[in-house]
């Protein structure tokens, strides 16, 4: 079962920068790729950590490790590495998530356009010259 996983080229780009690899300080991780895939699966599906499939590892350990990586900015460095060559073919903005500023709703709209005031002033001047009444 292939659940929302990184492509091989993406994995090759980030694997040498991740903590827990052989030769880095600390404990060597059993499977960094499985962990990254578990986090991606969780965020792409929107499930709670407790609902993480067992094939992706223990949910509690995954959550704990994710929190540690977030505090040490590992996720920011991964994003920086992967966004260098971003494929924006499928990027889009959905208007259902756009929100207007709170002051943009409910105000009465002016019926005049910017040029209408100048026209109204000229008309009033002409009427006053002729002796008519503006009203």
Protein backbone atom coordinates (compact mmCIF):
# COMPACT_ATOMS: atom_id res chain seq x y z
CA UNK A 1 0.00 0.00 0.00
CA UNK A 2 1.53 3.33 -1.10
CA UNK A 3 0.02 6.05 1.07
CA UNK A 4 0.86 9.63 0.07
CA UNK A 5 4.59 8.98 0.09
CA UNK A 6 7.59 10.94 -1.07
CA UNK A 7 8.94 10.19 -4.50
CA UNK A 8 12.40 8.65 -4.67
CA UNK A 9 13.98 11.83 -6.04
CA UNK A 10 12.49 13.85 -3.17
CA UNK A 11 13.72 11.33 -0.63
CA UNK A 12 17.24 11.32 -2.12
CA UNK A 13 17.34 15.10 -1.80
CA UNK A 14 16.50 15.21 1.94
CA UNK A 15 17.72 11.96 3.48
CA UNK A 16 21.28 13.12 4.20
CA UNK A 17 20.08 16.18 6.12
CA UNK A 18 17.70 14.43 8.52
CA UNK A 19 18.53 13.73 12.15
CA UNK A 20 18.67 10.06 13.14
CA UNK A 21 20.73 8.99 10.13
CA UNK A 22 23.80 6.83 10.59
CA UNK A 23 26.79 8.94 11.59
CA UNK A 24 24.80 11.81 13.11
CA UNK A 25 24.65 12.70 16.79
CA UNK A 26 22.08 10.77 18.79
CA UNK A 27 20.27 7.51 18.23
CA UNK A 28 20.15 6.11 14.72
CA UNK A 29 16.53 5.98 13.56
CA UNK A 30 15.08 2.70 12.41
CA UNK A 31 13.45 4.17 9.31
CA UNK A 32 13.43 7.92 8.64
CA UNK A 33 11.55 7.48 5.39
CA UNK A 34 8.69 5.63 7.06
CA UNK A 35 8.46 8.41 9.64
CA UNK A 36 8.39 11.17 7.01
CA UNK A 37 5.78 9.22 5.06
CA UNK A 38 3.68 8.85 8.23
CA UNK A 39 3.76 12.61 8.86
CA UNK A 40 2.88 13.35 5.24
CA UNK A 41 0.00 10.88 5.36
CA UNK A 42 -1.33 12.46 8.54
CA UNK A 43 -1.28 15.99 7.14
CA UNK A 44 -2.60 15.11 3.69
CA UNK A 45 -5.55 13.16 5.06
CA UNK A 46 -6.26 15.41 8.04
CA UNK A 47 -6.62 12.54 10.50
CA UNK A 48 -5.79 12.76 14.20
CA UNK A 49 -2.48 11.23 15.24
CA UNK A 50 -4.30 8.35 16.96
CA UNK A 51 -5.82 7.27 13.63
CA UNK A 52 -2.46 6.81 11.92
CA UNK A 53 -2.40 3.38 10.21
CA UNK A 54 -0.28 0.78 11.99
CA UNK A 55 1.73 0.15 8.82
CA UNK A 56 3.21 3.65 9.29
CA UNK A 57 4.38 3.02 12.85
CA UNK A 58 3.22 3.80 16.35
CA UNK A 59 1.18 7.01 16.39
CA UNK A 60 2.51 8.21 19.74
CA UNK A 61 6.18 7.82 18.81
CA UNK A 62 5.50 9.46 15.45
CA UNK A 63 3.79 12.41 17.12
CA UNK A 64 6.56 12.80 19.70
CA UNK A 65 9.26 12.70 17.05
CA UNK A 66 7.33 15.12 14.83
CA UNK A 67 7.14 17.58 17.74
CA UNK A 68 10.89 17.33 18.36
CA UNK A 69 11.67 17.92 14.69
CA UNK A 70 9.31 20.91 14.63
CA UNK A 71 11.04 22.50 17.64
CA UNK A 72 14.46 22.04 16.07
CA UNK A 73 13.34 23.44 12.65
CA UNK A 74 13.99 20.19 10.77
CA UNK A 75 10.69 20.58 8.90
CA UNK A 76 11.65 24.10 7.80
CA UNK A 77 14.92 22.81 6.34
CA UNK A 78 13.09 19.96 4.55
CA UNK A 79 10.63 22.45 3.06
CA UNK A 80 13.49 24.69 1.95
CA UNK A 81 15.23 21.77 0.21
CA UNK A 82 12.10 20.52 -1.54
CA UNK A 83 10.73 23.93 -2.53
CA UNK A 84 13.85 24.87 -4.49
CA UNK A 85 12.57 22.84 -7.42
CA UNK A 86 8.84 23.05 -6.76
CA UNK A 87 6.39 21.63 -9.27
CA UNK A 88 3.58 24.18 -9.28
CA UNK A 89 1.57 22.43 -11.95
CA UNK A 90 -1.20 21.58 -9.52
CA UNK A 91 -1.06 24.72 -7.37
CA UNK A 92 -4.32 26.63 -7.31
CA UNK A 93 -6.25 28.99 -5.10
CA UNK A 94 -9.75 27.99 -4.16
CA UNK A 95 -12.00 30.98 -3.52
CA UNK A 96 -13.95 29.07 -0.88
CA UNK A 97 -11.08 29.59 1.53
CA UNK A 98 -10.64 33.29 0.84
CA UNK A 99 -11.99 35.66 3.43
CA UNK A 100 -12.74 39.34 3.06
CA UNK A 101 -11.60 41.82 5.68
CA UNK A 102 -14.20 42.44 8.37
CA UNK A 103 -14.66 46.06 7.30
CA UNK A 104 -15.34 45.16 3.67
CA UNK A 105 -18.88 43.93 4.26
CA UNK A 106 -22.02 45.92 4.89
CA UNK A 107 -20.91 49.44 3.98
CA UNK A 108 -23.22 51.57 1.86
CA UNK A 109 -21.83 52.05 -1.60
CA UNK A 110 -21.60 55.48 -3.18
CA UNK A 111 -23.56 55.72 -6.39
CA UNK A 112 -21.23 58.36 -7.79
CA UNK A 113 -18.20 57.64 -9.85
CA UNK A 114 -15.03 59.67 -9.57
CA UNK A 115 -15.87 61.87 -12.61
CA UNK A 116 -19.47 62.57 -11.48
CA UNK A 117 -18.50 65.23 -8.93
CA UNK A 118 -16.73 67.33 -11.52
CA UNK A 119 -19.71 67.08 -13.87
CA UNK A 120 -22.11 68.03 -11.09
CA UNK A 121 -20.00 71.09 -10.17
CA UNK A 122 -19.97 72.28 -13.80
CA UNK A 123 -23.72 71.81 -14.11
CA UNK A 124 -24.31 73.83 -10.94
CA UNK A 125 -22.10 76.65 -12.28
CA UNK A 126 -24.02 76.79 -15.55
CA UNK A 127 -27.36 76.87 -13.80
CA UNK A 128 -26.25 79.65 -11.45
CA UNK A 129 -25.08 81.76 -14.45
CA UNK A 130 -28.44 81.41 -16.14
CA UNK A 131 -30.21 82.26 -12.89
CA UNK A 132 -31.85 78.93 -12.41
CA UNK A 133 -32.18 77.06 -9.24
CA UNK A 134 -30.19 73.96 -8.24
CA UNK A 135 -32.16 71.55 -6.27
